[in-house]
Amino acid sequence: MQPELSEADLALVHALQHRPRAAWSELAPVLGVSAATLAARWHRLRADGLSWVTAYPVAVVTGPSLVALVEVDCAAGTVTEVSTR
C-alpha cells in the first residue's frame, strides 16, 4: 500500500508545479517550513515513488517537437465521464 500524500506534500508538489526550479530556500517561507524540511520531504516523496522528474530532449538536438502536459481537475466519481468528452 502506497503512503498517502499529506496536505504539506500536496502544497510542495503544487509549489513545484508553478516554480519547478525554485530553491528550497525560496519555497520555505511560502510553505512555512525550513528548506531542510522541504528537501527531506521531496526526498521521501521520490523514494516512495509518489513524485518524479521527467526531462524531454531539447528541440535543438532532436529537431522540432511538441510536448504537452494536460492537467484536468474534476469532481470525484466523474473521471470516466470527463475523460470521454
PDB file of N, CA and C in Angstrom:
ATOM      1  N   MET A   1       0.840  -1.182   0.000  1.00  0.00           N
ATOM      2  CA  MET A   1       0.000   0.000   0.000  1.00  0.00           C
ATOM      3  C   MET A   1       0.887   1.249   0.000  1.00  0.00           C
ATOM      4  N   GLN A   2       0.629   2.152  -0.928  1.00  0.00           N
ATOM      5  CA  GLN A   2       1.410   3.390  -1.000  1.00  0.00           C
ATOM      6  C   GLN A   2       0.976   4.357   0.091  1.00  0.00           C
ATOM      7  N   PRO A   3       1.939   5.066   0.668  1.00  0.00           N
ATOM      8  CA  PRO A   3       1.573   6.090   1.648  1.00  0.00           C
ATOM      9  C   PRO A   3       0.736   7.187   0.991  1.00  0.00           C
ATOM     10  N   GLU A   4      -0.140   7.795   1.763  1.00  0.00           N
ATOM     11  CA  GLU A   4      -0.959   8.884   1.235  1.00  0.00           C
ATOM     12  C   GLU A   4      -0.183  10.189   1.252  1.00  0.00           C
ATOM     13  N   LEU A   5      -0.572  11.084   0.380  1.00  0.00           N
ATOM     14  CA  LEU A   5       0.030  12.413   0.357  1.00  0.00           C
ATOM     15  C   LEU A   5      -0.642  13.282   1.415  1.00  0.00           C
ATOM     16  N   SER A   6       0.166  13.925   2.230  1.00  0.00           N
ATOM     17  CA  SER A   6      -0.368  14.847   3.235  1.00  0.00           C
ATOM     18  C   SER A   6      -0.658  16.192   2.578  1.00  0.00           C
ATOM     19  N   GLU A   7      -1.325  17.067   3.315  1.00  0.00           N
ATOM     20  CA  GLU A   7      -1.566  18.420   2.803  1.00  0.00           C
ATOM     21  C   GLU A   7      -0.240  19.136   2.541  1.00  0.00           C
ATOM     22  N   ALA A   8       0.758  18.899   3.399  1.00  0.00           N
ATOM     23  CA  ALA A   8       2.080  19.513   3.208  1.00  0.00           C
ATOM     24  C   ALA A   8       2.757  18.970   1.946  1.00  0.00           C
ATOM     25  N   ASP A   9       2.594  17.662   1.678  1.00  0.00           N
ATOM     26  CA  ASP A   9       3.135  17.069   0.450  1.00  0.00           C
ATOM     27  C   ASP A   9       2.496  17.728  -0.768  1.00  0.00           C
ATOM     28  N   LEU A  10       1.174  17.837  -0.738  1.00  0.00           N
ATOM     29  CA  LEU A  10       0.450  18.431  -1.861  1.00  0.00           C
ATOM     30  C   LEU A  10       0.841  19.890  -2.071  1.00  0.00           C
ATOM     31  N   ALA A  11       1.052  20.615  -0.984  1.00  0.00           N
ATOM     32  CA  ALA A  11       1.472  22.015  -1.096  1.00  0.00           C
ATOM     33  C   ALA A  11       2.838  22.113  -1.764  1.00  0.00           C
ATOM     34  N   LEU A  12       3.745  21.222  -1.404  1.00  0.00           N
ATOM     35  CA  LEU A  12       5.077  21.221  -2.014  1.00  0.00           C
ATOM     36  C   LEU A  12       4.987  20.898  -3.503  1.00  0.00           C
ATOM     37  N   VAL A  13       4.246  19.865  -3.853  1.00  0.00           N
ATOM     38  CA  VAL A  13       4.099  19.494  -5.263  1.00  0.00           C
ATOM     39  C   VAL A  13       3.466  20.641  -6.044  1.00  0.00           C
ATOM     40  N   HIS A  14       2.461  21.266  -5.480  1.00  0.00           N
ATOM     41  CA  HIS A  14       1.797  22.395  -6.143  1.00  0.00           C
ATOM     42  C   HIS A  14       2.784  23.543  -6.373  1.00  0.00           C
ATOM     43  N   ALA A  15       3.571  23.852  -5.362  1.00  0.00           N
ATOM     44  CA  ALA A  15       4.564  24.923  -5.498  1.00  0.00           C
ATOM     45  C   ALA A  15       5.570  24.592  -6.595  1.00  0.00           C
ATOM     46  N   LEU A  16       5.985  23.336  -6.670  1.00  0.00           N
ATOM     47  CA  LEU A  16       6.960  22.937  -7.688  1.00  0.00           C
ATOM     48  C   LEU A  16       6.354  22.914  -9.088  1.00  0.00           C
ATOM     49  N   GLN A  17       5.042  22.724  -9.187  1.00  0.00           N
ATOM     50  CA  GLN A  17       4.394  22.817 -10.495  1.00  0.00           C
ATOM     51  C   GLN A  17       4.486  24.249 -11.027  1.00  0.00           C
ATOM     52  N   HIS A  18       4.405  25.213 -10.128  1.00  0.00           N
ATOM     53  CA  HIS A  18       4.471  26.616 -10.536  1.00  0.00           C
ATOM     54  C   HIS A  18       5.900  27.122 -10.680  1.00  0.00           C
ATOM     55  N   ARG A  19       6.794  26.634  -9.844  1.00  0.00           N
ATOM     56  CA  ARG A  19       8.200  27.075  -9.861  1.00  0.00           C
ATOM     57  C   ARG A  19       9.102  25.847  -9.790  1.00  0.00           C
ATOM     58  N   PRO A  20       9.195  25.057 -10.855  1.00  0.00           N
ATOM     59  CA  PRO A  20       9.941  23.795 -10.797  1.00  0.00           C
ATOM     60  C   PRO A  20      11.430  23.937 -10.499  1.00  0.00           C
ATOM     61  N   ARG A  21      12.001  25.097 -10.747  1.00  0.00           N
ATOM     62  CA  ARG A  21      13.435  25.277 -10.496  1.00  0.00           C
ATOM     63  C   ARG A  21      13.716  26.097  -9.243  1.00  0.00           C
ATOM     64  N   ALA A  22      12.694  26.346  -8.448  1.00  0.00           N
ATOM     65  CA  ALA A  22      12.866  27.150  -7.232  1.00  0.00           C
ATOM     66  C   ALA A  22      13.748  26.418  -6.224  1.00  0.00           C
ATOM     67  N   ALA A  23      14.590  27.179  -5.557  1.00  0.00           N
ATOM     68  CA  ALA A  23      15.419  26.613  -4.481  1.00  0.00           C
ATOM     69  C   ALA A  23      14.534  26.361  -3.264  1.00  0.00           C
ATOM     70  N   TRP A  24      14.932  25.379  -2.454  1.00  0.00           N
ATOM     71  CA  TRP A  24      14.181  25.090  -1.224  1.00  0.00           C
ATOM     72  C   TRP A  24      14.089  26.346  -0.370  1.00  0.00           C
ATOM     73  N   SER A  25      15.150  27.140  -0.359  1.00  0.00           N
ATOM     74  CA  SER A  25      15.160  28.363   0.454  1.00  0.00           C
ATOM     75  C   SER A  25      14.149  29.400  -0.051  1.00  0.00           C
ATOM     76  N   GLU A  26      13.791  29.358  -1.332  1.00  0.00           N
ATOM     77  CA  GLU A  26      12.764  30.257  -1.867  1.00  0.00           C
ATOM     78  C   GLU A  26      11.362  29.791  -1.478  1.00  0.00           C
ATOM     79  N   LEU A  27      11.170  28.479  -1.466  1.00  0.00           N
ATOM     80  CA  LEU A  27       9.847  27.930  -1.164  1.00  0.00           C
ATOM     81  C   LEU A  27       9.562  27.866   0.334  1.00  0.00           C
ATOM     82  N   ALA A  28      10.611  27.784   1.143  1.00  0.00           N
ATOM     83  CA  ALA A  28      10.444  27.602   2.591  1.00  0.00           C
ATOM     84  C   ALA A  28       9.537  28.660   3.230  1.00  0.00           C
ATOM     85  N   PRO A  29       9.777  29.958   3.012  1.00  0.00           N
ATOM     86  CA  PRO A  29       8.896  30.940   3.657  1.00  0.00           C
ATOM     87  C   PRO A  29       7.460  30.896   3.129  1.00  0.00           C
ATOM     88  N   VAL A  30       7.298  30.524   1.882  1.00  0.00           N
ATOM     89  CA  VAL A  30       5.965  30.441   1.284  1.00  0.00           C
ATOM     90  C   VAL A  30       5.169  29.300   1.915  1.00  0.00           C
ATOM     91  N   LEU A  31       5.856  28.170   2.149  1.00  0.00           N
ATOM     92  CA  LEU A  31       5.183  26.985   2.681  1.00  0.00           C
ATOM     93  C   LEU A  31       5.252  26.903   4.203  1.00  0.00           C
ATOM     94  N   GLY A  32       5.998  27.804   4.819  1.00  0.00           N
ATOM     95  CA  GLY A  32       6.032  27.871   6.277  1.00  0.00           C
ATOM     96  C   GLY A  32       6.848  26.804   6.970  1.00  0.00           C
ATOM     97  N   VAL A  33       7.838  26.262   6.277  1.00  0.00           N
ATOM     98  CA  VAL A  33       8.746  25.273   6.870  1.00  0.00           C
ATOM     99  C   VAL A  33      10.167  25.601   6.434  1.00  0.00           C
ATOM    100  N   SER A  34      11.136  24.896   6.989  1.00  0.00           N
ATOM    101  CA  SER A  34      12.531  25.165   6.636  1.00  0.00           C
ATOM    102  C   SER A  34      12.887  24.543   5.289  1.00  0.00           C
ATOM    103  N   ALA A  35      13.952  25.047   4.703  1.00  0.00           N
ATOM    104  CA  ALA A  35      14.459  24.486   3.451  1.00  0.00           C
ATOM    105  C   ALA A  35      14.857  23.028   3.642  1.00  0.00           C
ATOM    106  N   ALA A  36      15.445  22.700   4.791  1.00  0.00           N
ATOM    107  CA  ALA A  36      15.844  21.313   5.072  1.00  0.00           C
ATOM    108  C   ALA A  36      14.626  20.398   5.131  1.00  0.00           C
ATOM    109  N   THR A  37      13.528  20.886   5.702  1.00  0.00           N
ATOM    110  CA  THR A  37      12.295  20.099   5.767  1.00  0.00           C
ATOM    111  C   THR A  37      11.758  19.827   4.369  1.00  0.00           C
ATOM    112  N   LEU A  38      11.785  20.835   3.505  1.00  0.00           N
ATOM    113  CA  LEU A  38      11.311  20.649   2.132  1.00  0.00           C
ATOM    114  C   LEU A  38      12.174  19.648   1.380  1.00  0.00           C
ATOM    115  N   ALA A  39      13.486  19.749   1.531  1.00  0.00           N
ATOM    116  CA  ALA A  39      14.395  18.815   0.861  1.00  0.00           C
ATOM    117  C   ALA A  39      14.136  17.390   1.337  1.00  0.00           C
ATOM    118  N   ALA A  40      13.948  17.212   2.640  1.00  0.00           N
ATOM    119  CA  ALA A  40      13.680  15.877   3.187  1.00  0.00           C
ATOM    120  C   ALA A  40      12.331  15.354   2.701  1.00  0.00           C
ATOM    121  N   ARG A  41      11.333  16.227   2.647  1.00  0.00           N
ATOM    122  CA  ARG A  41      10.001  15.820   2.179  1.00  0.00           C
ATOM    123  C   ARG A  41      10.072  15.376   0.719  1.00  0.00           C
ATOM    124  N   TRP A  42      10.777  16.156  -0.120  1.00  0.00           N
ATOM    125  CA  TRP A  42      10.908  15.801  -1.534  1.00  0.00           C
ATOM    126  C   TRP A  42      11.651  14.469  -1.680  1.00  0.00           C
ATOM    127  N   HIS A  43      12.703  14.276  -0.906  1.00  0.00           N
ATOM    128  CA  HIS A  43      13.448  13.016  -0.953  1.00  0.00           C
ATOM    129  C   HIS A  43      12.523  11.843  -0.616  1.00  0.00           C
ATOM    130  N   ARG A  44      11.690  11.996   0.419  1.00  0.00           N
ATOM    131  CA  ARG A  44      10.762  10.926   0.805  1.00  0.00           C
ATOM    132  C   ARG A  44       9.734  10.672  -0.293  1.00  0.00           C
ATOM    133  N   LEU A  45       9.185  11.729  -0.879  1.00  0.00           N
ATOM    134  CA  LEU A  45       8.205  11.564  -1.951  1.00  0.00           C
ATOM    135  C   LEU A  45       8.804  10.815  -3.136  1.00  0.00           C
ATOM    136  N   ARG A  46      10.042  11.153  -3.483  1.00  0.00           N
ATOM    137  CA  ARG A  46      10.708  10.456  -4.594  1.00  0.00           C
ATOM    138  C   ARG A  46      11.014   9.015  -4.231  1.00  0.00           C
ATOM    139  N   ALA A  47      11.525   8.790  -3.014  1.00  0.00           N
ATOM    140  CA  ALA A  47      11.872   7.432  -2.575  1.00  0.00           C
ATOM    141  C   ALA A  47      10.639   6.533  -2.526  1.00  0.00           C
ATOM    142  N   ASP A  48       9.489   7.105  -2.170  1.00  0.00           N
ATOM    143  CA  ASP A  48       8.239   6.339  -2.096  1.00  0.00           C
ATOM    144  C   ASP A  48       7.563   6.192  -3.455  1.00  0.00           C
ATOM    145  N   GLY A  49       8.139   6.792  -4.499  1.00  0.00           N
ATOM    146  CA  GLY A  49       7.556   6.701  -5.836  1.00  0.00           C
ATOM    147  C   GLY A  49       6.323   7.569  -6.019  1.00  0.00           C
ATOM    148  N   LEU A  50       6.147   8.564  -5.150  1.00  0.00           N
ATOM    149  CA  LEU A  50       4.973   9.429  -5.221  1.00  0.00           C
ATOM    150  C   LEU A  50       5.219  10.689  -6.038  1.00  0.00           C
ATOM    151  N   SER A  51       6.463  10.962  -6.377  1.00  0.00           N
ATOM    152  CA  SER A  51       6.797  12.112  -7.211  1.00  0.00           C
ATOM    153  C   SER A  51       8.023  11.761  -8.036  1.00  0.00           C
ATOM    154  N   TRP A  52       8.173  12.444  -9.149  1.00  0.00           N
ATOM    155  CA  TRP A  52       9.306  12.177 -10.021  1.00  0.00           C
ATOM    156  C   TRP A  52       9.544  13.388 -10.912  1.00  0.00           C
ATOM    157  N   VAL A  53      10.669  13.357 -11.582  1.00  0.00           N
ATOM    158  CA  VAL A  53      11.038  14.420 -12.506  1.00  0.00           C
ATOM    159  C   VAL A  53      11.174  13.797 -13.883  1.00  0.00           C
ATOM    160  N   THR A  54      10.635  14.459 -14.886  1.00  0.00           N
ATOM    161  CA  THR A  54      10.719  13.969 -16.255  1.00  0.00           C
ATOM    162  C   THR A  54      11.409  15.025 -17.112  1.00  0.00           C
ATOM    163  N   ALA A  55      12.321  14.590 -17.948  1.00  0.00           N
ATOM    164  CA  ALA A  55      13.018  15.508 -18.851  1.00  0.00           C
ATOM    165  C   ALA A  55      12.692  15.126 -20.290  1.00  0.00           C
ATOM    166  N   TYR A  56      12.667  16.123 -21.149  1.00  0.00           N
ATOM    167  CA  TYR A  56      12.404  15.898 -22.561  1.00  0.00           C
ATOM    168  C   TYR A  56      13.595  16.388 -23.365  1.00  0.00           C
ATOM    169  N   PRO A  57      13.897  15.717 -24.487  1.00  0.00           N
ATOM    170  CA  PRO A  57      15.024  16.154 -25.319  1.00  0.00           C
ATOM    171  C   PRO A  57      14.820  17.589 -25.795  1.00  0.00           C
ATOM    172  N   VAL A  58      15.908  18.293 -25.937  1.00  0.00           N
ATOM    173  CA  VAL A  58      15.862  19.670 -26.420  1.00  0.00           C
ATOM    174  C   VAL A  58      15.668  19.655 -27.929  1.00  0.00           C
ATOM    175  N   ALA A  59      14.782  20.516 -28.433  1.00  0.00           N
ATOM    176  CA  ALA A  59      14.463  20.549 -29.859  1.00  0.00           C
ATOM    177  C   ALA A  59      15.685  20.841 -30.716  1.00  0.00           C
ATOM    178  N   VAL A  60      16.667  21.563 -30.197  1.00  0.00           N
ATOM    179  CA  VAL A  60      17.872  21.877 -30.965  1.00  0.00           C
ATOM    180  C   VAL A  60      18.601  20.595 -31.346  1.00  0.00           C
ATOM    181  N   VAL A  61      18.580  19.620 -30.459  1.00  0.00           N
ATOM    182  CA  VAL A  61      19.284  18.362 -30.703  1.00  0.00           C
ATOM    183  C   VAL A  61      18.462  17.426 -31.576  1.00  0.00           C
ATOM    184  N   THR A  62      17.174  17.330 -31.327  1.00  0.00           N
ATOM    185  CA  THR A  62      16.344  16.329 -31.994  1.00  0.00           C
ATOM    186  C   THR A  62      15.494  16.881 -33.124  1.00  0.00           C
ATOM    187  N   GLY A  63      15.492  18.172 -33.327  1.00  0.00           N
ATOM    188  CA  GLY A  63      14.617  18.780 -34.313  1.00  0.00           C
ATOM    189  C   GLY A  63      13.324  19.220 -33.653  1.00  0.00           C
ATOM    190  N   PRO A  64      12.459  19.874 -34.407  1.00  0.00           N
ATOM    191  CA  PRO A  64      11.213  20.385 -33.832  1.00  0.00           C
ATOM    192  C   PRO A  64      10.363  19.264 -33.229  1.00  0.00           C
ATOM    193  N   SER A  65       9.781  19.552 -32.099  1.00  0.00           N
ATOM    194  CA  SER A  65       8.880  18.592 -31.462  1.00  0.00           C
ATOM    195  C   SER A  65       7.875  19.360 -30.620  1.00  0.00           C
ATOM    196  N   LEU A  66       6.865  18.670 -30.196  1.00  0.00           N
ATOM    197  CA  LEU A  66       5.837  19.285 -29.368  1.00  0.00           C
ATOM    198  C   LEU A  66       5.538  18.358 -28.206  1.00  0.00           C
ATOM    199  N   VAL A  67       5.588  18.895 -27.024  1.00  0.00           N
ATOM    200  CA  VAL A  67       5.250  18.135 -25.824  1.00  0.00           C
ATOM    201  C   VAL A  67       4.171  18.913 -25.099  1.00  0.00           C
ATOM    202  N   ALA A  68       3.128  18.218 -24.693  1.00  0.00           N
ATOM    203  CA  ALA A  68       2.051  18.879 -23.955  1.00  0.00           C
ATOM    204  C   ALA A  68       1.728  18.076 -22.707  1.00  0.00           C
ATOM    205  N   LEU A  69       1.482  18.781 -21.641  1.00  0.00           N
ATOM    206  CA  LEU A  69       1.040  18.165 -20.399  1.00  0.00           C
ATOM    207  C   LEU A  69      -0.295  18.805 -20.072  1.00  0.00           C
ATOM    208  N   VAL A  70      -1.307  17.983 -19.976  1.00  0.00           N
ATOM    209  CA  VAL A  70      -2.646  18.487 -19.705  1.00  0.00           C
ATOM    210  C   VAL A  70      -3.081  17.980 -18.343  1.00  0.00           C
ATOM    211  N   GLU A  71      -3.487  18.901 -17.488  1.00  0.00           N
ATOM    212  CA  GLU A  71      -3.979  18.540 -16.158  1.00  0.00           C
ATOM    213  C   GLU A  71      -5.441  18.950 -16.081  1.00  0.00           C
ATOM    214  N   VAL A  72      -6.290  18.004 -15.690  1.00  0.00           N
ATOM    215  CA  VAL A  72      -7.720  18.271 -15.598  1.00  0.00           C
ATOM    216  C   VAL A  72      -8.181  17.944 -14.188  1.00  0.00           C
ATOM    217  N   ASP A  73      -8.792  18.900 -13.531  1.00  0.00           N
ATOM    218  CA  ASP A  73      -9.405  18.669 -12.220  1.00  0.00           C
ATOM    219  C   ASP A  73     -10.882  18.389 -12.441  1.00  0.00           C
ATOM    220  N   CYS A  74     -11.373  17.341 -11.795  1.00  0.00           N
ATOM    221  CA  CYS A  74     -12.794  17.032 -11.926  1.00  0.00           C
ATOM    222  C   CYS A  74     -13.328  16.513 -10.594  1.00  0.00           C
ATOM    223  N   ALA A  75     -14.613  16.553 -10.449  1.00  0.00           N
ATOM    224  CA  ALA A  75     -15.258  16.110  -9.216  1.00  0.00           C
ATOM    225  C   ALA A  75     -15.097  14.601  -9.052  1.00  0.00           C
ATOM    226  N   ALA A  76     -15.087  14.170  -7.810  1.00  0.00           N
ATOM    227  CA  ALA A  76     -14.970  12.738  -7.512  1.00  0.00           C
ATOM    228  C   ALA A  76     -16.074  11.966  -8.234  1.00  0.00           C
ATOM    229  N   GLY A  77     -15.693  10.837  -8.810  1.00  0.00           N
ATOM    230  CA  GLY A  77     -16.653   9.973  -9.483  1.00  0.00           C
ATOM    231  C   GLY A  77     -16.981  10.370 -10.908  1.00  0.00           C
ATOM    232  N   THR A  78     -16.332  11.410 -11.446  1.00  0.00           N
ATOM    233  CA  THR A  78     -16.655  11.856 -12.806  1.00  0.00           C
ATOM    234  C   THR A  78     -15.499  11.684 -13.783  1.00  0.00           C
ATOM    235  N   VAL A  79     -14.448  10.984 -13.375  1.00  0.00           N
ATOM    236  CA  VAL A  79     -13.257  10.850 -14.226  1.00  0.00           C
ATOM    237  C   VAL A  79     -13.599  10.224 -15.573  1.00  0.00           C
ATOM    238  N   THR A  80     -14.357   9.137 -15.582  1.00  0.00           N
ATOM    239  CA  THR A  80     -14.693   8.468 -16.839  1.00  0.00           C
ATOM    240  C   THR A  80     -15.507   9.384 -17.737  1.00  0.00           C
ATOM    241  N   GLU A  81     -16.504  10.035 -17.178  1.00  0.00           N
ATOM    242  CA  GLU A  81     -17.340  10.951 -17.959  1.00  0.00           C
ATOM    243  C   GLU A  81     -16.514  12.098 -18.537  1.00  0.00           C
ATOM    244  N   VAL A  82     -15.673  12.694 -17.718  1.00  0.00           N
ATOM    245  CA  VAL A  82     -14.855  13.824 -18.172  1.00  0.00           C
ATOM    246  C   VAL A  82     -13.853  13.380 -19.230  1.00  0.00           C
ATOM    247  N   SER A  83     -13.235  12.224 -19.046  1.00  0.00           N
ATOM    248  CA  SER A  83     -12.197  11.776 -19.981  1.00  0.00           C
ATOM    249  C   SER A  83     -12.754  11.354 -21.332  1.00  0.00           C
ATOM    250  N   THR A  84     -14.047  11.058 -21.428  1.00  0.00           N
ATOM    251  CA  THR A  84     -14.622  10.665 -22.715  1.00  0.00           C
ATOM    252  C   THR A  84     -15.134  11.848 -23.522  1.00  0.00           C
ATOM    253  N   ARG A  85     -15.135  13.031 -22.935  1.00  0.00           N
ATOM    254  CA  ARG A  85     -15.613  14.223 -23.662  1.00  0.00           C
ATOM    255  C   ARG A  85     -14.632  14.657 -24.713  1.00  0.00           C
TER     256      ARG A  85
END
